């Protein structure tokens, strides 16, 4: 997309909330990051969010034209050189956490080097399997076994030898109608390892009926070509056609805990527990949470209820939500698919919670669908507060009574459930009206926001490590003089547990800075008055964060950096209990001092 490495190249994100993103992960198995560089490494943000959704990520190794031929001549000079370069590619994948490679040799190869090309592909496949669990190598239909650049567009004796020594083949796009079925017959039991290249949805039905796989090239064209009416709508429409042809290929959640705040990895603000941490635009695909499987409706249904992710509206956590807008009659209700899990329950109780923000004339609940152990019956439960249980009970919908509490304008509902042996198969939103509407307000505008959904074991939650359990260090601290006595501060902050615990799983860390206007650095509570403003800097998905050119006023004596740990169930450590580090601001001619305070 646009040559690759655009807004996604910034490991800690950037400020362009109009950057490109994908949220329809449930419609794909493999994501290939492609550019025309010799070695294309997927930016970490794509690997992070794709893996979160169960999707594998591949980098690209491509050689092209005369330069590519010269590269191949060196790479394939000997059997040993072919193996050595294959091992370097496998090391890159293992070190950076992605799953394998698309190999695209788009140039002529000297026929005497074809055996070494076979060694390169087979050895890469072998070392990927040994170094990366589930490693994947896919060959692109380009150069043939006789060294010619001759796209076959189907599986033939010219490209099948490469197919036989790796996990799959990505066919060129100019295939004819009978090629998919012919390729499936040649592939035999491996027919699903044949990925027929397409760049339009019209071919998907044919590929599905031919029982082969599909490789959709450059779905970012929706963004690049600025399709009307806007990117969000155009992308949802485009992927809805994929779902119509191919169906859902990823189901989640499958294990506990499950948590989603519907964050798409970009937005106009960032919130935590309903309180805004920042109102600055941002883009960081690593922050994308599990995405709902929202159905795209066009035409007559769209004027009844629009169900979208709306980064402009308020958020409970992160920068997203599911927005419900439209018209709803007084005694009517509306349901919308959110997730399609395959979550098997045991005899242990689970806790389910969700957050809602709505006007007084709109109610939003969660509807849960279960299959029985024998799969011959289904059960559905509606999560409702006490005051609504009689009304929905009359609809013959079994209800789960929820407790509720309000925080920052959001109502958080929670209930507990034991359903041993059953499988949670769908989570839906349930829109309705309160009982006290009059006939005069029979059909009204409906508006509600869903902030998050959480499902976790009811067993006692593991406490966050104490602040004293962490070691925090500041490296490469640099002050540069600015105007009016101010300075800019740059530094790399790193942290680690003194004694790591195997069952401690932290998905991210929020990083804050607080200016100190006193030379008294005795430990105190972060929220204690008097205090300076605490500024949210960003989110880290590793145990490090780099601050660049942070402006420090002339009256600031020190900067306290606070690292807030976040759990995989959506919980977060209170700032009062979070580890922190003070960087003391001395005169530029003096020695810089970094001291850790817990």
Protein backbone atom coordinates (compact mmCIF):
# COMPACT_ATOMS: atom_id res chain seq x y z
CA UNK A 1 0.00 0.00 0.00
CA UNK A 2 1.68 3.19 -1.29
CA UNK A 3 4.96 1.28 -1.48
CA UNK A 4 4.86 0.23 2.18
CA UNK A 5 6.34 1.79 5.33
CA UNK A 6 4.02 4.79 5.59
CA UNK A 7 2.43 5.66 8.98
CA UNK A 8 2.96 2.06 10.09
CA UNK A 9 6.76 2.44 10.13
CA UNK A 10 6.67 4.33 13.45
CA UNK A 11 7.05 1.66 16.12
CA UNK A 12 5.43 3.84 18.82
CA UNK A 13 2.84 5.26 16.45
CA UNK A 14 2.34 8.75 15.03
CA UNK A 15 -0.24 11.53 14.98
CA UNK A 16 -2.03 10.73 11.70
CA UNK A 17 -5.38 9.27 12.74
CA UNK A 18 -6.32 9.09 9.05
CA UNK A 19 -3.68 6.42 8.40
CA UNK A 20 -4.43 3.05 6.82
CA UNK A 21 -5.75 0.23 9.00
CA UNK A 22 -7.36 -3.18 8.63
CA UNK A 23 -10.00 -4.44 11.05
CA UNK A 24 -11.59 -7.34 9.14
CA UNK A 25 -9.08 -9.90 10.41
CA UNK A 26 -11.78 -12.55 10.80
CA UNK A 27 -11.86 -12.86 7.00
CA UNK A 28 -8.21 -13.85 6.48
CA UNK A 29 -5.69 -16.50 7.47
CA UNK A 30 -2.41 -14.92 6.35
CA UNK A 31 -1.29 -11.29 6.03
CA UNK A 32 1.68 -10.57 3.72
CA UNK A 33 3.51 -7.26 4.07
CA UNK A 34 4.68 -6.45 0.55
CA UNK A 35 6.98 -3.84 -0.95
CA UNK A 36 9.53 -3.82 -3.75
CA UNK A 37 12.54 -3.85 -1.42
CA UNK A 38 14.79 -6.92 -1.54
CA UNK A 39 13.82 -7.84 2.04
CA UNK A 40 10.54 -6.46 3.34
CA UNK A 41 10.17 -6.78 7.11
CA UNK A 42 6.61 -6.36 8.45
CA UNK A 43 6.38 -3.37 10.83
CA UNK A 44 5.78 -4.66 14.37
CA UNK A 45 2.32 -3.08 14.56
CA UNK A 46 0.94 -5.43 11.89
CA UNK A 47 2.50 -8.48 13.51
CA UNK A 48 1.12 -7.52 16.92
CA UNK A 49 -2.49 -7.03 15.86
CA UNK A 50 -2.60 -9.84 13.30
CA UNK A 51 -1.36 -12.36 15.88
CA UNK A 52 -3.94 -11.03 18.34
CA UNK A 53 -6.60 -12.09 15.82
CA UNK A 54 -5.04 -15.47 14.98
CA UNK A 55 -3.64 -14.36 11.59
CA UNK A 56 -0.11 -15.27 10.46
CA UNK A 57 2.21 -12.58 9.10
CA UNK A 58 4.75 -12.98 6.29
CA UNK A 59 7.51 -10.72 5.06
CA UNK A 60 8.52 -10.59 1.40
CA UNK A 61 11.78 -11.55 -0.29
CA UNK A 62 11.70 -10.24 -3.87
CA UNK A 63 14.23 -9.93 -6.68
CA UNK A 64 13.38 -8.05 -9.87
CA UNK A 65 14.88 -7.04 -13.21
CA UNK A 66 18.63 -6.94 -13.89
CA UNK A 67 19.44 -5.99 -10.30
CA UNK A 68 17.47 -8.98 -9.10
CA UNK A 69 19.30 -11.29 -11.50
CA UNK A 70 22.63 -10.07 -10.12
CA UNK A 71 21.42 -10.59 -6.55
CA UNK A 72 20.31 -14.13 -7.36
CA UNK A 73 23.65 -14.87 -8.99
CA UNK A 74 25.38 -14.08 -5.70
CA UNK A 75 22.77 -15.72 -3.49
CA UNK A 76 22.76 -18.92 -5.53
CA UNK A 77 26.49 -19.09 -6.25
CA UNK A 78 26.83 -22.28 -4.21
CA UNK A 79 24.66 -24.63 -2.23
CA UNK A 80 26.26 -23.24 0.93
CA UNK A 81 25.48 -19.62 0.04
CA UNK A 82 21.86 -20.52 -0.70
CA UNK A 83 21.56 -22.18 2.70
CA UNK A 84 23.31 -19.30 4.46
CA UNK A 85 20.94 -16.65 3.06
CA UNK A 86 17.94 -18.84 3.87
CA UNK A 87 19.14 -19.06 7.46
CA UNK A 88 19.49 -15.25 7.67
CA UNK A 89 15.87 -14.83 6.56
CA UNK A 90 14.71 -17.37 9.12
CA UNK A 91 16.68 -15.56 11.84
CA UNK A 92 15.01 -12.27 10.93
CA UNK A 93 11.55 -13.82 11.20
CA UNK A 94 12.35 -15.46 14.53
CA UNK A 95 13.93 -12.34 16.00
CA UNK A 96 11.12 -9.99 14.91
CA UNK A 97 8.28 -12.37 15.70
CA UNK A 98 6.63 -12.86 12.31
CA UNK A 99 5.80 -16.20 10.75
CA UNK A 100 7.60 -16.60 7.45
CA UNK A 101 8.16 -15.40 3.91
CA UNK A 102 6.61 -14.89 0.50
CA UNK A 103 9.38 -15.67 -2.01
CA UNK A 104 9.02 -13.76 -5.29
CA UNK A 105 11.76 -14.25 -7.87
CA UNK A 106 10.68 -11.90 -10.68
CA UNK A 107 13.73 -12.28 -12.94
CA UNK A 108 15.45 -14.83 -15.12
CA UNK A 109 17.72 -17.34 -13.35
CA UNK A 110 20.68 -19.08 -14.98
CA UNK A 111 19.50 -22.63 -15.45
CA UNK A 112 22.64 -24.02 -13.81
CA UNK A 113 21.61 -22.22 -10.59
CA UNK A 114 18.09 -23.68 -10.44
CA UNK A 115 19.25 -26.58 -8.19
CA UNK A 116 20.61 -24.02 -5.71
CA UNK A 117 17.33 -22.07 -5.92
CA UNK A 118 15.57 -25.29 -4.94
CA UNK A 119 18.03 -25.65 -2.06
CA UNK A 120 17.31 -22.06 -0.98
CA UNK A 121 13.52 -22.62 -0.86
CA UNK A 122 13.66 -26.07 0.75
CA UNK A 123 16.25 -25.02 3.34
CA UNK A 124 14.30 -21.86 4.19
CA UNK A 125 11.20 -24.00 4.73
CA UNK A 126 13.17 -26.39 6.94
CA UNK A 127 14.80 -23.74 9.14
CA UNK A 128 11.55 -21.77 9.42
CA UNK A 129 9.88 -24.88 10.84
CA UNK A 130 12.65 -25.34 13.39
CA UNK A 131 12.90 -21.69 14.45
CA UNK A 132 9.30 -20.42 14.31
CA UNK A 133 6.31 -22.53 15.45
CA UNK A 134 3.91 -22.78 12.53
CA UNK A 135 6.47 -21.18 10.18
CA UNK A 136 5.23 -20.59 6.65
CA UNK A 137 6.98 -20.20 3.27
CA UNK A 138 4.92 -19.43 0.15
CA UNK A 139 6.31 -19.37 -3.38
CA UNK A 140 5.11 -16.83 -5.94
CA UNK A 141 4.29 -18.07 -9.43
CA UNK A 142 7.01 -16.29 -11.43
CA UNK A 143 10.31 -17.93 -12.44
CA UNK A 144 10.01 -21.53 -13.63
CA UNK A 145 12.16 -24.63 -13.10
CA UNK A 146 13.97 -23.93 -16.38
CA UNK A 147 14.93 -20.42 -15.17
CA UNK A 148 12.50 -18.49 -17.35
CA UNK A 149 10.32 -15.66 -16.05
CA UNK A 150 7.06 -17.14 -17.29
CA UNK A 151 3.97 -16.77 -15.12
CA UNK A 152 1.95 -19.97 -15.30
CA UNK A 153 -1.29 -18.70 -13.69
CA UNK A 154 -1.99 -22.26 -12.57
CA UNK A 155 -0.18 -25.24 -11.07
CA UNK A 156 1.92 -26.93 -13.77
CA UNK A 157 5.07 -29.00 -14.09
CA UNK A 158 6.92 -25.68 -14.49
CA UNK A 159 6.17 -24.42 -10.96
CA UNK A 160 5.01 -27.48 -9.02
CA UNK A 161 8.58 -28.45 -7.97
CA UNK A 162 8.71 -25.23 -5.91
CA UNK A 163 5.22 -25.87 -4.53
CA UNK A 164 6.36 -29.33 -3.42
CA UNK A 165 9.13 -27.98 -1.14
CA UNK A 166 7.25 -25.22 0.68
CA UNK A 167 3.82 -24.56 2.23
CA UNK A 168 2.03 -23.04 -0.73
CA UNK A 169 2.03 -21.16 -4.00
CA UNK A 170 0.65 -17.71 -4.76
CA UNK A 171 -0.59 -17.82 -8.37
CA UNK A 172 -0.29 -14.90 -10.72
CA UNK A 173 -3.50 -12.96 -11.44
CA UNK A 174 -4.14 -13.59 -15.14
CA UNK A 175 -5.64 -17.07 -14.80
CA UNK A 176 -8.54 -18.38 -16.82
CA UNK A 177 -11.82 -19.75 -15.48
CA UNK A 178 -10.81 -23.41 -15.62
CA UNK A 179 -7.38 -22.91 -14.00
CA UNK A 180 -8.44 -23.07 -10.33
CA UNK A 181 -10.16 -26.44 -10.69
CA UNK A 182 -7.29 -27.82 -12.78
CA UNK A 183 -4.79 -26.65 -10.15
CA UNK A 184 -6.84 -28.25 -7.39
CA UNK A 185 -6.76 -31.58 -9.20
CA UNK A 186 -2.97 -31.42 -9.59
CA UNK A 187 -2.45 -30.36 -5.96
CA UNK A 188 -4.55 -33.25 -4.65
CA UNK A 189 -4.68 -33.22 -0.84
CA UNK A 190 -2.83 -29.88 -0.88
CA UNK A 191 -5.40 -28.02 -2.96
CA UNK A 192 -5.94 -25.47 -0.17
CA UNK A 193 -2.23 -24.59 -0.40
CA UNK A 194 -2.89 -23.15 -3.86
CA UNK A 195 -3.63 -19.43 -3.47
CA UNK A 196 -5.09 -18.02 -6.67
CA UNK A 197 -4.14 -14.37 -7.01
CA UNK A 198 -6.98 -11.89 -7.42
CA UNK A 199 -7.38 -8.13 -7.15
CA UNK A 200 -11.17 -8.02 -7.43
CA UNK A 201 -13.98 -9.69 -5.48
CA UNK A 202 -15.80 -11.02 -8.53
CA UNK A 203 -13.48 -14.05 -8.69
CA UNK A 204 -13.97 -15.19 -5.11
CA UNK A 205 -17.11 -17.25 -5.74
CA UNK A 206 -15.36 -19.21 -8.48
CA UNK A 207 -12.33 -19.93 -6.28
CA UNK A 208 -14.55 -21.04 -3.42
CA UNK A 209 -16.44 -23.45 -5.65
CA UNK A 210 -13.14 -24.76 -7.06
CA UNK A 211 -11.99 -25.61 -3.52
CA UNK A 212 -8.72 -23.66 -3.68
CA UNK A 213 -7.53 -20.70 -1.63
CA UNK A 214 -7.48 -17.02 -2.56
CA UNK A 215 -4.69 -14.43 -2.38
CA UNK A 216 -6.15 -10.93 -2.44
CA UNK A 217 -3.57 -8.45 -3.67
CA UNK A 218 -3.39 -4.86 -2.38
CA UNK A 219 -6.67 -4.43 -0.46
CA UNK A 220 -5.28 -0.99 0.41
CA UNK A 221 -6.50 0.26 -2.99
CA UNK A 222 -9.70 1.35 -1.20
CA UNK A 223 -7.57 3.77 0.80
CA UNK A 224 -5.15 4.77 -1.97
CA UNK A 225 -7.88 5.62 -4.48
CA UNK A 226 -10.02 7.47 -1.91
CA UNK A 227 -13.17 5.52 -2.64
CA UNK A 228 -16.44 7.32 -1.89
CA UNK A 229 -18.11 8.20 0.35
CA UNK A 230 -15.18 7.72 2.76
CA UNK A 231 -12.50 5.16 3.55
CA UNK A 232 -14.31 3.62 6.51
CA UNK A 233 -17.54 2.97 4.57
CA UNK A 234 -15.78 1.85 1.40
CA UNK A 235 -13.52 -0.59 3.25
CA UNK A 236 -16.42 -2.10 5.17
CA UNK A 237 -18.38 -2.56 1.95
CA UNK A 238 -15.42 -4.14 0.15
CA UNK A 239 -14.70 -6.67 2.90
CA UNK A 240 -18.41 -7.44 3.25
CA UNK A 241 -18.24 -8.80 -0.29
CA UNK A 242 -15.36 -11.04 0.78
CA UNK A 243 -17.45 -12.36 3.66
CA UNK A 244 -20.41 -12.94 1.36
CA UNK A 245 -18.28 -15.10 -0.95
CA UNK A 246 -15.92 -16.77 1.49
CA UNK A 247 -17.47 -16.67 4.94
CA UNK A 248 -15.80 -16.18 8.30
CA UNK A 249 -12.41 -17.88 8.70
CA UNK A 250 -11.36 -16.70 12.18
CA UNK A 251 -13.44 -17.12 15.34
CA UNK A 252 -12.57 -15.43 18.61
CA UNK A 253 -12.40 -15.53 21.54
CA UNK A 254 -11.45 -19.17 22.03
CA UNK A 255 -9.72 -18.85 25.41
CA UNK A 256 -10.10 -16.75 28.53
CA UNK A 257 -9.64 -13.99 29.32
CA UNK A 258 -11.40 -12.20 26.46
CA UNK A 259 -11.31 -8.43 26.28
CA UNK A 260 -12.09 -5.86 23.59
CA UNK A 261 -12.50 -2.11 23.80
CA UNK A 262 -13.13 -1.95 20.03
CA UNK A 263 -9.95 0.09 19.54
CA UNK A 264 -9.05 0.20 15.82
CA UNK A 265 -5.50 1.40 16.44
CA UNK A 266 -6.23 5.03 15.62
CA UNK A 267 -8.43 7.79 16.94
CA UNK A 268 -8.97 11.36 18.04
CA UNK A 269 -8.47 10.74 21.77
CA UNK A 270 -7.41 8.09 24.31
CA UNK A 271 -9.41 7.18 27.40
CA UNK A 272 -8.98 4.95 30.42
CA UNK A 273 -11.99 3.97 32.50
CA UNK A 274 -14.06 6.63 30.74
CA UNK A 275 -11.63 9.45 31.53
CA UNK A 276 -9.74 11.09 28.69
CA UNK A 277 -5.97 10.77 28.93
CA UNK A 278 -5.31 12.64 25.70
CA UNK A 279 -7.26 14.58 23.07
CA UNK A 280 -4.50 14.45 20.47
CA UNK A 281 -5.03 12.46 17.23
CA UNK A 282 -3.01 9.26 17.10
CA UNK A 283 -2.22 6.17 15.03
CA UNK A 284 -0.73 2.95 16.41
CA UNK A 285 -2.01 -0.31 14.94
CA UNK A 286 -0.33 -2.23 17.79
CA UNK A 287 -3.05 -0.83 20.08
CA UNK A 288 -5.84 -2.44 18.07
CA UNK A 289 -7.94 -4.71 20.27
CA UNK A 290 -9.97 -7.69 19.09
CA UNK A 291 -12.27 -6.34 16.40
CA UNK A 292 -16.02 -7.01 16.27
CA UNK A 293 -17.53 -8.80 13.31
CA UNK A 294 -19.91 -6.01 12.38
CA UNK A 295 -22.21 -6.67 9.44
CA UNK A 296 -22.28 -4.07 6.69
CA UNK A 297 -25.79 -2.98 5.78
CA UNK A 298 -26.54 -0.92 2.73
CA UNK A 299 -29.83 0.37 1.41
CA UNK A 300 -33.14 0.14 3.24
CA UNK A 301 -31.70 -1.42 6.42
CA UNK A 302 -29.12 1.31 6.93
CA UNK A 303 -31.72 3.96 7.71
CA UNK A 304 -33.05 1.89 10.61
CA UNK A 305 -29.90 1.39 12.64
CA UNK A 306 -26.28 2.19 11.76
CA UNK A 307 -23.77 0.05 13.65
CA UNK A 308 -20.22 1.35 13.29
CA UNK A 309 -16.97 1.89 15.13
CA UNK A 310 -16.86 5.63 15.77
CA UNK A 311 -13.51 7.03 16.91
CA UNK A 312 -14.98 10.51 17.14
CA UNK A 313 -17.39 9.60 19.95
CA UNK A 314 -16.49 8.94 23.57
CA UNK A 315 -14.50 5.85 24.52
CA UNK A 316 -14.43 3.84 27.71
CA UNK A 317 -10.90 2.55 27.08
CA UNK A 318 -8.58 3.39 24.21
CA UNK A 319 -10.04 5.35 21.33
CA UNK A 320 -12.93 3.30 19.96
CA UNK A 321 -16.48 2.13 20.59
CA UNK A 322 -19.39 0.54 18.78
CA UNK A 323 -21.92 3.23 17.94
CA UNK A 324 -25.62 2.47 17.44
CA UNK A 325 -27.62 5.21 15.69
CA UNK A 326 -31.00 5.15 13.98
CA UNK A 327 -34.71 4.94 14.60
CA UNK A 328 -36.30 2.41 16.91
CA UNK A 329 -39.96 2.06 17.81
CA UNK A 330 -41.14 2.00 21.38
CA UNK A 331 -41.79 -1.75 21.70
CA UNK A 332 -39.26 -2.90 19.12
CA UNK A 333 -35.72 -4.16 19.52
CA UNK A 334 -32.70 -4.50 17.28
CA UNK A 335 -29.83 -7.00 17.47
CA UNK A 336 -26.38 -6.77 15.93
CA UNK A 337 -23.63 -9.38 15.73
CA UNK A 338 -20.48 -8.47 17.64
CA UNK A 339 -18.31 -11.58 18.00
CA UNK A 340 -18.40 -15.23 16.88
CA UNK A 341 -16.45 -17.07 19.60
CA UNK A 342 -15.81 -20.74 20.16
CA UNK A 343 -15.36 -20.50 23.91
CA UNK A 344 -15.86 -23.76 25.79
CA UNK A 345 -16.99 -23.28 29.37
CA UNK A 346 -16.18 -25.43 32.39
CA UNK A 347 -17.64 -25.79 35.86
CA UNK A 348 -15.72 -22.69 36.95
CA UNK A 349 -17.80 -19.50 37.04
CA UNK A 350 -17.01 -16.70 34.61
CA UNK A 351 -17.50 -12.97 34.95
CA UNK A 352 -18.92 -10.98 32.02
CA UNK A 353 -18.92 -7.19 31.91
CA UNK A 354 -19.58 -4.43 29.39
CA UNK A 355 -19.84 -0.64 29.41
CA UNK A 356 -22.54 1.56 27.87
CA UNK A 357 -23.07 5.26 27.29
CA UNK A 358 -26.48 6.30 25.96
CA UNK A 359 -29.25 8.85 26.11
CA UNK A 360 -32.19 8.27 28.45
CA UNK A 361 -34.42 6.95 25.68
CA UNK A 362 -31.97 4.25 24.51
CA UNK A 363 -30.99 1.02 26.22
CA UNK A 364 -28.20 -1.35 25.21
CA UNK A 365 -27.69 -4.89 26.49
CA UNK A 366 -25.61 -7.93 25.54
CA UNK A 367 -27.16 -11.13 24.19
CA UNK A 368 -25.18 -14.37 24.63
CA UNK A 369 -25.74 -17.51 22.54
CA UNK A 370 -24.56 -20.96 23.66
CA UNK A 371 -24.58 -24.44 22.16
CA UNK A 372 -25.07 -27.51 24.36
CA UNK A 373 -22.46 -30.26 24.77
CA UNK A 374 -24.32 -32.41 22.25
CA UNK A 375 -24.86 -29.39 19.94
CA UNK A 376 -28.50 -30.38 19.52
CA UNK A 377 -29.84 -27.31 21.28
CA UNK A 378 -28.95 -23.68 21.83
CA UNK A 379 -29.46 -21.35 24.75
CA UNK A 380 -29.57 -17.55 24.78
CA UNK A 381 -29.30 -15.18 27.73
CA UNK A 382 -29.85 -11.44 27.80
CA UNK A 383 -27.78 -9.44 30.29
CA UNK A 384 -30.10 -6.85 31.87
CA UNK A 385 -30.26 -4.77 35.08
CA UNK A 386 -32.82 -5.55 37.76
CA UNK A 387 -35.37 -2.92 36.64
CA UNK A 388 -35.66 -4.47 33.17
CA UNK A 389 -35.81 -8.15 34.02
CA UNK A 390 -39.61 -8.46 34.07
CA UNK A 391 -40.04 -6.71 30.73
CA UNK A 392 -37.59 -8.93 28.87
CA UNK A 393 -38.71 -12.03 30.73
CA UNK A 394 -42.09 -11.49 29.07
CA UNK A 395 -40.34 -11.84 25.71
CA UNK A 396 -39.45 -15.42 26.68
CA UNK A 397 -35.77 -14.44 26.77
CA UNK A 398 -33.93 -15.91 29.78
CA UNK A 399 -32.20 -13.03 31.53
CA UNK A 400 -28.96 -12.70 33.45
CA UNK A 401 -29.27 -10.09 36.16
CA UNK A 402 -26.43 -7.58 36.10
CA UNK A 403 -25.06 -5.29 38.74
CA UNK A 404 -24.14 -1.86 37.48
CA UNK A 405 -22.05 1.11 38.44
CA UNK A 406 -21.53 4.47 36.76
CA UNK A 407 -18.14 6.00 36.12
CA UNK A 408 -17.38 9.10 34.04
CA UNK A 409 -20.76 8.92 32.31
CA UNK A 410 -20.40 5.20 31.47
CA UNK A 411 -22.53 2.46 33.01
CA UNK A 412 -20.60 -0.75 33.60
CA UNK A 413 -22.73 -3.90 33.79
CA UNK A 414 -21.43 -7.16 35.25
CA UNK A 415 -22.79 -10.64 35.88
CA UNK A 416 -21.52 -14.13 36.70
CA UNK A 417 -22.37 -17.37 34.96
CA UNK A 418 -21.76 -21.11 35.20
CA UNK A 419 -22.68 -23.20 32.17
CA UNK A 420 -20.51 -26.30 32.34
CA UNK A 421 -19.88 -28.03 29.03
CA UNK A 422 -21.55 -25.38 26.89
CA UNK A 423 -19.82 -23.36 24.19
CA UNK A 424 -20.29 -19.62 23.75
CA UNK A 425 -20.92 -19.21 20.00
CA UNK A 426 -22.09 -15.62 19.54
CA UNK A 427 -22.07 -12.28 21.34
CA UNK A 428 -24.62 -9.76 20.09
CA UNK A 429 -25.77 -6.28 21.00
CA UNK A 430 -29.45 -5.84 21.92
CA UNK A 431 -30.95 -2.37 21.41
CA UNK A 432 -34.28 -1.47 23.04
CA UNK A 433 -36.35 1.33 24.54
CA UNK A 434 -37.29 1.94 28.19
CA UNK A 435 -40.82 1.18 29.36
CA UNK A 436 -41.89 4.74 30.08
CA UNK A 437 -41.99 6.06 26.52
CA UNK A 438 -45.36 7.49 25.51
CA UNK A 439 -47.30 6.91 22.30
CA UNK A 440 -46.27 10.40 21.18
CA UNK A 441 -42.66 9.27 21.24
CA UNK A 442 -43.37 6.00 19.48
CA UNK A 443 -40.46 6.23 17.02
CA UNK A 444 -37.42 8.13 18.17
CA UNK A 445 -33.80 8.57 17.32
CA UNK A 446 -31.76 5.91 19.08
CA UNK A 447 -28.18 6.49 20.25
CA UNK A 448 -25.93 4.30 22.38
CA UNK A 449 -22.24 3.46 22.63
CA UNK A 450 -20.69 0.14 23.63
CA UNK A 451 -17.33 0.80 25.29
CA UNK A 452 -15.94 -2.65 26.05
CA UNK A 453 -16.71 -6.33 26.62
CA UNK A 454 -14.80 -8.53 29.05
CA UNK A 455 -15.13 -12.24 29.85
CA UNK A 456 -12.81 -13.75 32.43
CA UNK A 457 -12.58 -16.39 35.09
CA UNK A 458 -14.28 -15.39 38.32
CA UNK A 459 -11.41 -16.83 40.30
CA UNK A 460 -9.49 -14.27 42.31
CA UNK A 461 -7.59 -12.02 39.95
CA UNK A 462 -3.84 -11.99 40.26
CA UNK A 463 -2.61 -8.72 41.73
CA UNK A 464 -0.26 -6.49 39.79
CA UNK A 465 3.34 -6.60 41.02
CA UNK A 466 4.22 -3.96 43.58
CA UNK A 467 6.06 -0.90 42.34
CA UNK A 468 9.09 -2.08 44.30
CA UNK A 469 9.10 -5.28 42.22
CA UNK A 470 10.29 -3.34 39.17
CA UNK A 471 13.59 -1.94 38.04
CA UNK A 472 13.24 1.16 35.85
CA UNK A 473 16.19 2.76 34.11
CA UNK A 474 16.64 5.80 31.88
CA UNK A 475 19.27 5.51 29.17
CA UNK A 476 20.67 8.00 26.68
CA UNK A 477 19.30 10.96 28.66
CA UNK A 478 19.81 14.12 26.65
CA UNK A 479 18.89 17.75 27.38
CA UNK A 480 19.05 20.40 24.66
CA UNK A 481 18.62 24.12 25.48
CA UNK A 482 15.54 25.84 24.09
CA UNK A 483 13.98 29.28 24.27
CA UNK A 484 13.19 31.23 27.47
CA UNK A 485 15.29 28.92 29.60
CA UNK A 486 13.42 25.77 28.58
CA UNK A 487 15.01 22.51 27.51
CA UNK A 488 14.04 19.49 25.47
CA UNK A 489 14.47 16.06 27.03
CA UNK A 490 15.04 12.84 25.12
CA UNK A 491 15.60 9.48 26.74
CA UNK A 492 14.96 5.76 26.49
CA UNK A 493 13.03 4.31 29.42
CA UNK A 494 13.35 0.59 30.13
CA UNK A 495 11.81 -1.54 32.86
CA UNK A 496 11.81 -5.13 34.02
CA UNK A 497 10.61 -7.22 36.94
CA UNK A 498 13.31 -8.07 39.45
CA UNK A 499 11.92 -11.59 39.66
CA UNK A 500 9.79 -12.38 36.58
CA UNK A 501 6.76 -14.55 37.21
CA UNK A 502 5.79 -17.12 34.59
CA UNK A 503 2.07 -16.39 34.82
CA UNK A 504 2.43 -12.60 34.61
CA UNK A 505 1.01 -11.46 31.26
CA UNK A 506 1.06 -7.75 30.53
CA UNK A 507 -0.24 -6.72 27.12
CA UNK A 508 0.83 -3.09 27.24
CA UNK A 509 2.11 -0.26 29.40
CA UNK A 510 0.83 3.32 29.57
CA UNK A 511 3.61 5.85 30.07
CA UNK A 512 3.11 9.23 31.77
CA UNK A 513 5.28 12.22 32.66
CA UNK A 514 4.86 14.64 35.55
CA UNK A 515 6.84 17.84 35.93
CA UNK A 516 8.28 18.46 39.40
CA UNK A 517 8.74 22.04 40.48
CA UNK A 518 10.40 21.21 43.78
CA UNK A 519 13.75 19.71 44.58
CA UNK A 520 12.04 17.54 47.18
CA UNK A 521 11.84 14.09 45.59
CA UNK A 522 10.56 12.16 48.56
CA UNK A 523 8.13 9.36 47.59
CA UNK A 524 4.53 10.46 47.49
CA UNK A 525 1.29 9.43 45.83
CA UNK A 526 1.06 10.47 42.20
CA UNK A 527 -2.48 11.79 42.64
CA UNK A 528 -1.70 13.65 45.87
CA UNK A 529 -2.25 17.43 45.93
CA UNK A 530 -0.47 19.67 45.28
CA UNK A 531 0.87 18.18 42.10
CA UNK A 532 1.85 19.09 38.56
CA UNK A 533 -0.16 17.99 35.56
CA UNK A 534 0.33 14.36 34.67
CA UNK A 535 0.73 13.96 30.91
CA UNK A 536 0.00 10.78 29.00
CA UNK A 537 2.92 10.16 26.64
CA UNK A 538 1.94 6.96 24.88
CA UNK A 539 1.62 3.19 25.01
CA UNK A 540 4.39 0.61 24.87
CA UNK A 541 3.97 -3.03 23.84
CA UNK A 542 7.48 -3.98 24.94
CA UNK A 543 9.40 -3.18 28.11
CA UNK A 544 10.73 0.11 26.76
CA UNK A 545 9.58 3.53 25.60
CA UNK A 546 11.50 6.34 23.93
CA UNK A 547 10.65 9.98 24.62
CA UNK A 548 11.88 12.39 21.99
CA UNK A 549 12.20 16.17 22.39
CA UNK A 550 9.89 16.57 25.37
CA UNK A 551 9.78 20.27 26.29
CA UNK A 552 10.75 20.99 29.91
CA UNK A 553 10.03 24.47 31.30
CA UNK A 554 12.64 26.66 32.96
CA UNK A 555 11.04 26.20 36.39
CA UNK A 556 10.97 22.38 36.23
CA UNK A 557 13.43 20.71 38.59
CA UNK A 558 12.71 17.13 37.61
CA UNK A 559 10.45 14.87 35.55
CA UNK A 560 8.74 11.85 37.05
CA UNK A 561 8.00 9.08 34.53
CA UNK A 562 5.26 6.63 35.53
CA UNK A 563 4.75 3.21 33.88
CA UNK A 564 1.20 1.83 34.25
CA UNK A 565 0.91 -1.92 33.73
CA UNK A 566 -2.14 -3.27 31.83
CA UNK A 567 -3.39 -6.86 31.98
CA UNK A 568 -4.72 -9.05 29.18
CA UNK A 569 -8.20 -8.91 30.75
CA UNK A 570 -8.39 -5.13 30.26
CA UNK A 571 -7.47 -4.27 33.85
CA UNK A 572 -4.84 -1.69 34.75
CA UNK A 573 -2.71 -0.86 37.75
CA UNK A 574 -3.61 2.26 39.71
CA UNK A 575 -1.15 5.09 39.18
CA UNK A 576 -0.56 5.37 42.92
CA UNK A 577 0.85 1.85 42.88
CA UNK A 578 2.72 2.05 39.56
CA UNK A 579 6.51 2.09 39.31
CA UNK A 580 8.08 5.45 38.53
CA UNK A 581 11.42 7.05 37.88
CA UNK A 582 12.58 10.64 38.41
CA UNK A 583 14.96 12.30 35.98
CA UNK A 584 16.44 15.28 37.78
CA UNK A 585 16.89 18.40 35.67
CA UNK A 586 20.16 20.07 36.53
CA UNK A 587 21.86 22.98 34.83
CA UNK A 588 23.16 21.87 31.46
CA UNK A 589 26.74 22.31 32.64
CA UNK A 590 26.10 19.98 35.57
CA UNK A 591 25.97 16.22 35.73
CA UNK A 592 22.59 14.68 34.85
CA UNK A 593 21.07 12.54 37.58
CA UNK A 594 18.52 9.75 37.24
CA UNK A 595 17.08 8.30 40.41
CA UNK A 596 14.44 5.63 40.77
CA UNK A 597 11.65 6.25 43.26
CA UNK A 598 9.13 3.59 44.19
